Protein backbone atom coordinates (compact mmCIF):
# COMPACT_ATOMS: atom_id res chain seq x y z
CA MET A 1 -35.79 5.52 -93.91
CA ILE A 2 -33.27 6.27 -96.71
CA VAL A 3 -33.00 9.87 -97.81
CA PHE A 4 -31.52 10.81 -101.20
CA GLY A 5 -31.65 14.54 -102.03
CA ASN A 6 -35.19 15.57 -101.34
CA SER A 7 -36.50 11.97 -101.36
CA TYR A 8 -38.07 11.34 -97.93
CA ASP A 9 -38.83 7.80 -98.97
CA GLN A 10 -38.24 5.47 -101.88
CA GLY A 11 -41.89 4.91 -102.68
CA LEU A 12 -41.62 3.55 -106.22
CA PRO A 13 -40.21 0.09 -106.85
CA ARG A 14 -36.57 0.16 -107.62
CA TRP A 15 -36.98 -1.84 -110.84
CA LEU A 16 -39.16 0.96 -112.23
CA TRP A 17 -37.16 4.07 -111.49
CA LEU A 18 -33.60 2.58 -111.46
CA TRP A 19 -33.41 -0.47 -113.66
CA PHE A 20 -36.12 0.15 -116.24
CA PRO A 21 -34.77 3.46 -117.75
CA PRO A 22 -31.57 2.02 -119.35
CA LEU A 23 -33.51 -0.96 -120.76
CA LEU A 24 -34.30 0.85 -124.01
CA LEU A 25 -30.70 1.60 -124.74
CA LEU A 26 -29.69 -1.99 -123.90
CA VAL A 27 -32.17 -3.06 -126.59
CA ILE A 28 -31.69 -0.53 -129.36
CA VAL A 29 -27.89 -0.08 -129.39
CA PRO A 30 -27.02 -3.78 -129.99
CA LEU A 31 -29.74 -4.05 -132.60
CA LYS A 32 -28.45 -0.95 -134.40
CA ILE A 33 -25.01 -2.48 -134.55
CA LEU A 34 -25.90 -6.13 -135.25
CA ALA A 35 -29.14 -5.91 -137.22
CA PRO A 36 -29.39 -2.46 -138.90
CA THR A 37 -32.22 -3.53 -141.27
CA PHE A 38 -34.33 -4.88 -138.44
CA TYR A 39 -33.55 -1.74 -136.44
CA LYS A 40 -34.67 0.54 -139.27
CA VAL A 41 -38.01 -1.17 -139.65
CA TRP A 42 -38.95 -2.35 -136.16
CA ILE A 43 -37.10 0.07 -133.87
CA ASP A 44 -36.72 3.38 -135.69
CA GLY A 45 -39.70 3.10 -138.07
CA GLU A 46 -42.82 5.21 -137.93
CA LEU A 47 -44.53 2.50 -135.98
CA GLY A 48 -41.34 1.10 -134.46
CA LEU A 49 -40.51 0.48 -130.86
CA ILE A 50 -39.27 4.02 -129.99
CA GLU A 51 -42.13 5.79 -131.76
CA LEU A 52 -44.75 3.69 -129.94
CA ALA A 53 -42.98 3.46 -126.55
CA THR A 54 -42.79 7.27 -126.20
CA PRO A 55 -46.56 7.99 -126.43
CA GLY A 56 -47.23 4.76 -124.41
CA VAL A 57 -45.22 6.10 -121.51
CA ALA A 58 -46.74 9.57 -121.90
CA ILE A 59 -50.25 8.02 -121.72
CA ALA A 60 -49.19 6.22 -118.55
CA GLY A 61 -48.30 9.68 -117.20
CA VAL A 62 -51.76 10.95 -118.16
CA ILE A 63 -53.40 8.04 -116.27
CA VAL A 64 -51.30 8.77 -113.15
CA GLY A 65 -52.16 12.45 -113.37
CA PHE A 66 -55.86 11.61 -113.64
CA LEU A 67 -55.64 9.40 -110.54
CA LEU A 68 -54.17 12.34 -108.63
CA LEU A 69 -56.64 14.95 -109.94
CA ARG A 70 -59.77 12.87 -109.44
CA ARG A 71 -59.03 13.03 -105.71
CA PRO A 72 -58.04 16.65 -105.13
CA SER A 73 -57.65 16.02 -101.41
CA LEU A 74 -54.51 14.00 -102.17
CA LEU A 75 -52.70 17.25 -103.01
CA PRO A 76 -52.30 19.91 -100.32
CA THR A 77 -52.74 23.18 -102.23
CA ARG A 78 -54.35 24.65 -105.37
CA ARG A 79 -50.91 25.58 -106.75
CA ILE A 80 -49.73 21.95 -106.62
CA ARG A 81 -53.01 20.69 -108.10
CA THR A 82 -52.66 23.22 -110.91
CA TRP A 83 -49.07 22.13 -111.49
CA VAL A 84 -50.06 18.46 -111.63
CA LEU A 85 -52.81 19.37 -114.11
CA MET A 86 -50.24 21.24 -116.28
CA VAL A 87 -47.85 18.28 -116.27
CA SER A 88 -50.70 15.89 -117.11
CA LEU A 89 -51.85 18.06 -120.00
CA GLY A 90 -48.24 18.14 -121.14
CA CYS A 91 -48.30 14.39 -121.25
CA VAL A 92 -51.54 14.48 -123.29
CA TYR A 93 -49.92 16.89 -125.77
CA PHE A 94 -46.73 14.77 -125.84
CA ALA A 95 -48.63 11.52 -126.62
CA GLY A 96 -50.95 13.13 -129.09
CA GLU A 97 -48.23 14.83 -131.07
CA GLU A 98 -46.08 11.71 -131.18
CA LEU A 99 -48.98 9.77 -132.69
CA SER A 100 -50.12 12.75 -134.81
CA TRP A 101 -53.34 12.42 -132.72
CA GLY A 102 -53.99 8.94 -134.09
CA GLN A 103 -52.96 9.41 -137.72
CA HIS A 104 -49.99 7.10 -137.42
CA LEU A 105 -52.19 4.37 -136.01
CA PHE A 106 -55.32 4.74 -138.16
CA GLY A 107 -53.80 6.22 -141.30
CA TRP A 108 -56.28 8.97 -142.11
CA SER A 109 -55.45 11.73 -144.59
CA THR A 110 -54.17 15.05 -143.28
CA PRO A 111 -56.81 17.79 -143.61
CA ALA A 112 -56.02 20.24 -146.41
CA TYR A 113 -55.58 23.26 -144.11
CA LEU A 114 -53.00 21.34 -142.05
CA GLU A 115 -51.25 19.85 -145.08
CA GLU A 116 -50.44 23.34 -146.37
CA VAL A 117 -48.67 24.53 -143.22
CA ASN A 118 -47.30 21.30 -141.81
CA ASP A 119 -43.68 20.53 -142.80
CA GLN A 120 -44.35 16.74 -142.96
CA GLU A 121 -48.00 17.02 -144.01
CA GLU A 122 -49.17 15.34 -140.81
CA THR A 123 -51.97 15.94 -138.32
CA ASN A 124 -49.90 17.61 -135.66
CA LEU A 125 -48.74 20.93 -134.39
CA HIS A 126 -45.05 20.46 -133.76
CA ASN A 127 -44.22 20.46 -137.50
CA ILE A 128 -45.99 23.78 -138.00
CA SER A 129 -43.98 26.16 -135.83
CA SER A 130 -41.06 26.19 -133.41
CA TRP A 131 -43.46 27.47 -130.78
CA PHE A 132 -45.09 24.04 -130.75
CA ASP A 133 -41.83 22.07 -130.99
CA GLN A 134 -38.32 23.47 -130.35
CA LYS A 135 -39.28 26.04 -127.77
CA PRO A 136 -41.43 23.75 -125.57
CA ARG A 137 -38.75 21.08 -125.99
CA MET A 138 -36.05 23.49 -124.80
CA LEU A 139 -38.12 24.39 -121.71
CA LEU A 140 -38.80 20.71 -120.97
CA GLU A 141 -35.14 19.81 -121.32
CA LEU A 142 -34.23 22.67 -118.95
CA TRP A 143 -36.76 21.39 -116.45
CA VAL A 144 -35.44 17.84 -116.72
CA LEU A 145 -31.90 19.05 -116.24
CA ILE A 146 -32.57 21.30 -113.26
CA GLY A 147 -35.43 19.43 -111.62
CA GLY A 148 -34.43 15.90 -112.50
CA VAL A 149 -30.66 15.97 -112.28
CA VAL A 150 -29.32 19.06 -110.48
CA TRP A 151 -31.92 19.25 -107.73
CA PRO A 152 -31.86 15.60 -106.53
CA LEU A 153 -27.99 15.60 -106.59
CA LEU A 154 -27.39 18.92 -104.82
CA HIS A 155 -30.42 19.38 -102.55
CA ARG A 156 -29.57 18.92 -98.89
CA PRO A 157 -31.41 15.92 -97.29
CA GLY A 158 -34.30 17.08 -95.11
CA ALA A 159 -33.98 20.70 -96.17
CA THR A 160 -37.56 20.67 -97.65
CA THR A 161 -40.34 20.36 -95.13
CA VAL A 162 -42.56 17.37 -95.69
CA GLY A 163 -45.95 18.55 -96.84
CA SER A 164 -44.73 21.91 -98.16
CA ASP A 165 -45.32 22.95 -101.84
CA SER A 166 -41.57 22.37 -102.50
CA TYR A 167 -41.91 18.82 -101.22
CA TRP A 168 -44.49 18.11 -103.86
CA PHE A 169 -43.07 20.24 -106.68
CA TRP A 170 -39.48 19.12 -106.92
CA PRO A 171 -38.64 15.66 -108.38
CA THR A 172 -37.10 13.04 -106.09
CA ILE A 173 -34.05 10.93 -106.69
CA GLU A 174 -36.40 8.46 -108.35
CA ALA A 175 -36.56 10.73 -111.41
CA LEU A 176 -32.78 11.00 -111.69
CA PRO A 177 -31.99 7.97 -113.90
CA SER A 178 -34.51 8.83 -116.58
CA ALA A 179 -33.62 12.50 -116.40
CA ALA A 180 -29.88 11.81 -116.70
CA LEU A 181 -30.44 9.55 -119.75
CA ALA A 182 -32.65 12.22 -121.35
CA ILE A 183 -29.80 14.70 -121.12
CA LEU A 184 -26.92 12.32 -121.90
CA ILE A 185 -28.53 10.69 -124.93
CA ARG A 186 -28.05 13.91 -127.01
CA LEU A 187 -24.44 14.40 -125.93
CA PRO A 188 -22.84 12.52 -128.84
CA GLU A 189 -24.88 14.52 -131.35
CA ARG A 190 -23.99 17.81 -129.69
CA LEU A 191 -20.27 16.89 -129.56
CA LYS A 192 -20.41 16.00 -133.21
CA SER A 193 -21.77 19.42 -134.02
CA LEU A 194 -19.48 21.28 -131.63
CA PHE A 195 -16.30 19.70 -132.84
CA ASP A 196 -17.40 19.28 -136.47
CA ILE A 197 -16.99 15.48 -136.29
CA GLU A 198 -17.86 13.94 -139.64
CA GLN A 199 -19.04 10.55 -138.45
CA LEU A 200 -19.81 9.08 -135.01
CA PRO A 201 -18.96 5.49 -134.21
CA LEU A 202 -22.71 4.90 -133.68
CA GLU A 203 -25.21 7.06 -135.55
CA LEU A 204 -28.76 7.21 -134.17
CA ARG A 205 -31.62 9.68 -134.39
CA PHE A 206 -30.72 10.75 -130.92
CA SER A 207 -33.73 13.04 -130.58
CA GLU A 208 -36.13 10.10 -130.66
CA PRO A 209 -34.84 8.17 -127.63
CA GLN A 210 -34.53 11.53 -125.87
CA GLU A 211 -38.25 12.03 -126.36
CA TYR A 212 -38.82 8.60 -124.88
CA TYR A 213 -36.77 9.60 -121.80
CA PHE A 214 -38.60 12.86 -121.44
CA ALA A 215 -41.87 10.98 -121.39
CA LEU A 216 -40.44 8.44 -118.90
CA PHE A 217 -39.25 11.26 -116.64
CA LEU A 218 -42.70 12.85 -116.60
CA PHE A 219 -44.35 9.47 -115.83
CA ILE A 220 -42.00 8.64 -112.97
CA TYR A 221 -42.24 12.19 -111.61
CA LEU A 222 -46.06 11.98 -111.49
CA ALA A 223 -45.93 8.40 -110.14
CA SER A 224 -43.70 9.50 -107.31
CA ILE A 225 -46.16 12.26 -106.38
CA LEU A 226 -48.99 9.77 -106.40
CA ARG A 227 -47.09 7.39 -104.22
CA ARG A 228 -46.21 10.04 -101.63
CA ALA A 229 -49.81 11.32 -101.73
CA SER A 230 -51.16 7.82 -101.09
CA ARG A 231 -48.81 7.39 -98.15
CA THR A 232 -50.00 10.58 -96.48
CA HIS A 233 -53.66 9.68 -96.68
């Protein structure tokens, strides 16, 4: 049995947690450089690859969370079940907001009461107030950094008792690639702002792929819990 950080096993297939996360960047970066028009329409557009992949992965997280919650006996304590419910509801919110709760797919008109207060006149909450957007995003990024990057790298192998709440709560090494990419993808943009750089060699809307990696992190995190739960029953 290989132990990385607090991973007592490598339950998820390696292609999913290790090789799949960088795939998006390997697609979008060459297309941005070599085919900017194609990139603008089919990758970065309102119904482009990034905009659809993000809620798609978040919905996958919802499904995994449902599979865990429909069998409460899989999880050892009420606190962990409550936590899994919160993460699953977070995935619901994530997917719904990314799709403006279906408006981007079905094209309905924004209700008048939302149109007046929504910055982009869409059927969503995150364009209404920072309490529905920047602040939750900041908390999620902090969780991804601490739970997805710092914890798996620094946690002593075997220090967490198998079956304890900590064993279920903390992400395993399987969440590290998606978490690291979620943090690193915004680094060029932040360096640009910090050092007042006028133009980056490659300009992207870095927040959009970051949202994809947030969603992928949540999905892999829940999938790793489901895998461990299945193995203990």
